[in-house]
Amino acid sequence: MVTIKPKIFKRNGKQRYGKGFSREELKKAGLSIRESLKLSIPVDPRRKTAHKENVNSIKKLLKSIKEKSRVKKTRKSKS
């Protein structure tokens, strides 16, 4: 599985990688906490902020996972 980490924006304008995504970011991406843990997406319950960049990265990951599952299903049905 692909590892994904959220970007955290510090007060001085610098960025770093955080430990997990906030609940609000997961909600905006259309995931519950339980679903995200099944997909091995880290969750940090202490974080309160929701950044667009993190929401977009979650959506991008979900899109790639769906495409991979479609490819696997079509390969299995042809055999």
C-alpha atoms as a PDB file:
ATOM      1  CA  MET A   1       0.000   0.000   0.000  1.00  0.00           C
ATOM      2  CA  VAL A   2       1.148   3.535  -0.689  1.00  0.00           C
ATOM      3  CA  THR A   3       2.156   5.633   2.299  1.00  0.00           C
ATOM      4  CA  ILE A   4       0.724   9.123   2.413  1.00  0.00           C
ATOM      5  CA  LYS A   5       1.492  11.903   4.872  1.00  0.00           C
ATOM      6  CA  PRO A   6      -0.202  15.276   5.349  1.00  0.00           C
ATOM      7  CA  LYS A   7       1.537  18.613   5.014  1.00  0.00           C
ATOM      8  CA  ILE A   8       1.571  20.769   8.122  1.00  0.00           C
ATOM      9  CA  PHE A   9       1.977  24.529   7.752  1.00  0.00           C
ATOM     10  CA  LYS A  10       3.980  26.192  10.501  1.00  0.00           C
ATOM     11  CA  ARG A  11       3.494  29.781  11.656  1.00  0.00           C
ATOM     12  CA  ASN A  12       6.736  30.968  10.061  1.00  0.00           C
ATOM     13  CA  GLY A  13       5.532  29.833   6.625  1.00  0.00           C
ATOM     14  CA  LYS A  14       7.532  26.614   6.498  1.00  0.00           C
ATOM     15  CA  GLN A  15       6.031  23.196   5.842  1.00  0.00           C
ATOM     16  CA  ARG A  16       6.684  19.774   7.283  1.00  0.00           C
ATOM     17  CA  TYR A  17       5.056  16.353   7.167  1.00  0.00           C
ATOM     18  CA  GLY A  18       2.635  15.480   9.943  1.00  0.00           C
ATOM     19  CA  LYS A  19       1.698  12.239  11.654  1.00  0.00           C
ATOM     20  CA  GLY A  20      -1.804  11.971  10.212  1.00  0.00           C
ATOM     21  CA  PHE A  21      -4.744  13.703   8.594  1.00  0.00           C
ATOM     22  CA  SER A  22      -7.338  15.605  10.608  1.00  0.00           C
ATOM     23  CA  ARG A  23     -10.925  14.409  10.926  1.00  0.00           C
ATOM     24  CA  GLU A  24     -12.143  17.426   8.976  1.00  0.00           C
ATOM     25  CA  GLU A  25      -9.828  16.666   6.047  1.00  0.00           C
ATOM     26  CA  LEU A  26     -11.093  13.092   5.923  1.00  0.00           C
ATOM     27  CA  LYS A  27     -14.699  14.282   6.075  1.00  0.00           C
ATOM     28  CA  LYS A  28     -14.152  16.718   3.188  1.00  0.00           C
ATOM     29  CA  ALA A  29     -12.558  13.928   1.145  1.00  0.00           C
ATOM     30  CA  GLY A  30     -15.593  11.714   1.793  1.00  0.00           C
ATOM     31  CA  LEU A  31     -14.024   9.191   4.175  1.00  0.00           C
ATOM     32  CA  SER A  32     -14.811   8.112   7.689  1.00  0.00           C
ATOM     33  CA  ILE A  33     -12.084   7.434  10.224  1.00  0.00           C
ATOM     34  CA  ARG A  34     -12.749   3.700  10.077  1.00  0.00           C
ATOM     35  CA  GLU A  35     -12.535   3.614   6.266  1.00  0.00           C
ATOM     36  CA  SER A  36      -9.309   5.597   6.272  1.00  0.00           C
ATOM     37  CA  LEU A  37      -7.697   3.226   8.753  1.00  0.00           C
ATOM     38  CA  LYS A  38      -8.712   0.249   6.572  1.00  0.00           C
ATOM     39  CA  LEU A  39      -6.962   1.946   3.642  1.00  0.00           C
ATOM     40  CA  SER A  40      -3.929   2.597   5.887  1.00  0.00           C
ATOM     41  CA  ILE A  41      -4.352   6.367   5.767  1.00  0.00           C
ATOM     42  CA  PRO A  42      -3.002   7.798   9.041  1.00  0.00           C
ATOM     43  CA  VAL A  43      -5.347   9.806  11.281  1.00  0.00           C
ATOM     44  CA  ASP A  44      -4.238  12.359  13.871  1.00  0.00           C
ATOM     45  CA  PRO A  45      -7.152  13.137  16.227  1.00  0.00           C
ATOM     46  CA  ARG A  46      -5.257  16.073  17.772  1.00  0.00           C
ATOM     47  CA  ARG A  47      -5.222  18.098  14.556  1.00  0.00           C
ATOM     48  CA  LYS A  48      -8.094  20.538  14.014  1.00  0.00           C
ATOM     49  CA  THR A  49      -7.157  22.236  10.732  1.00  0.00           C
ATOM     50  CA  ALA A  50      -8.230  21.222   7.247  1.00  0.00           C
ATOM     51  CA  HIS A  51      -5.937  22.231   4.389  1.00  0.00           C
ATOM     52  CA  LYS A  52      -6.982  22.009   0.747  1.00  0.00           C
ATOM     53  CA  GLU A  53      -3.677  20.419  -0.238  1.00  0.00           C
ATOM     54  CA  ASN A  54      -4.237  17.521   2.163  1.00  0.00           C
ATOM     55  CA  VAL A  55      -7.840  16.997   1.048  1.00  0.00           C
ATOM     56  CA  ASN A  56      -6.698  16.958  -2.590  1.00  0.00           C
ATOM     57  CA  SER A  57      -3.968  14.416  -1.824  1.00  0.00           C
ATOM     58  CA  ILE A  58      -6.513  12.112  -0.133  1.00  0.00           C
ATOM     59  CA  LYS A  59      -8.873  12.408  -3.111  1.00  0.00           C
ATOM     60  CA  LYS A  60      -6.010  11.680  -5.495  1.00  0.00           C
ATOM     61  CA  LEU A  61      -5.078   8.561  -3.519  1.00  0.00           C
ATOM     62  CA  LEU A  62      -8.696   7.350  -3.467  1.00  0.00           C
ATOM     63  CA  LYS A  63      -8.943   7.857  -7.223  1.00  0.00           C
ATOM     64  CA  SER A  64      -5.816   5.791  -7.839  1.00  0.00           C
ATOM     65  CA  ILE A  65      -7.058   3.029  -5.518  1.00  0.00           C
ATOM     66  CA  LYS A  66     -10.382   2.877  -7.402  1.00  0.00           C
ATOM     67  CA  GLU A  67      -8.593   2.691 -10.757  1.00  0.00           C
ATOM     68  CA  LYS A  68      -6.392  -0.153  -9.523  1.00  0.00           C
ATOM     69  CA  SER A  69      -9.407  -2.075  -8.250  1.00  0.00           C
ATOM     70  CA  ARG A  70     -11.158  -1.649 -11.607  1.00  0.00           C
ATOM     71  CA  VAL A  71      -8.140  -3.032 -13.426  1.00  0.00           C
ATOM     72  CA  LYS A  72      -7.992  -6.048 -11.110  1.00  0.00           C
ATOM     73  CA  LYS A  73     -11.712  -6.735 -11.549  1.00  0.00           C
ATOM     74  CA  THR A  74     -11.558  -6.568 -15.343  1.00  0.00           C
ATOM     75  CA  ARG A  75      -8.552  -8.883 -15.443  1.00  0.00           C
ATOM     76  CA  LYS A  76     -10.328 -11.433 -13.249  1.00  0.00           C
ATOM     77  CA  SER A  77     -13.551 -11.374 -15.285  1.00  0.00           C
ATOM     78  CA  LYS A  78     -11.746 -12.016 -18.585  1.00  0.00           C
ATOM     79  CA  SER A  79     -10.023 -15.154 -17.322  1.00  0.00           C
END
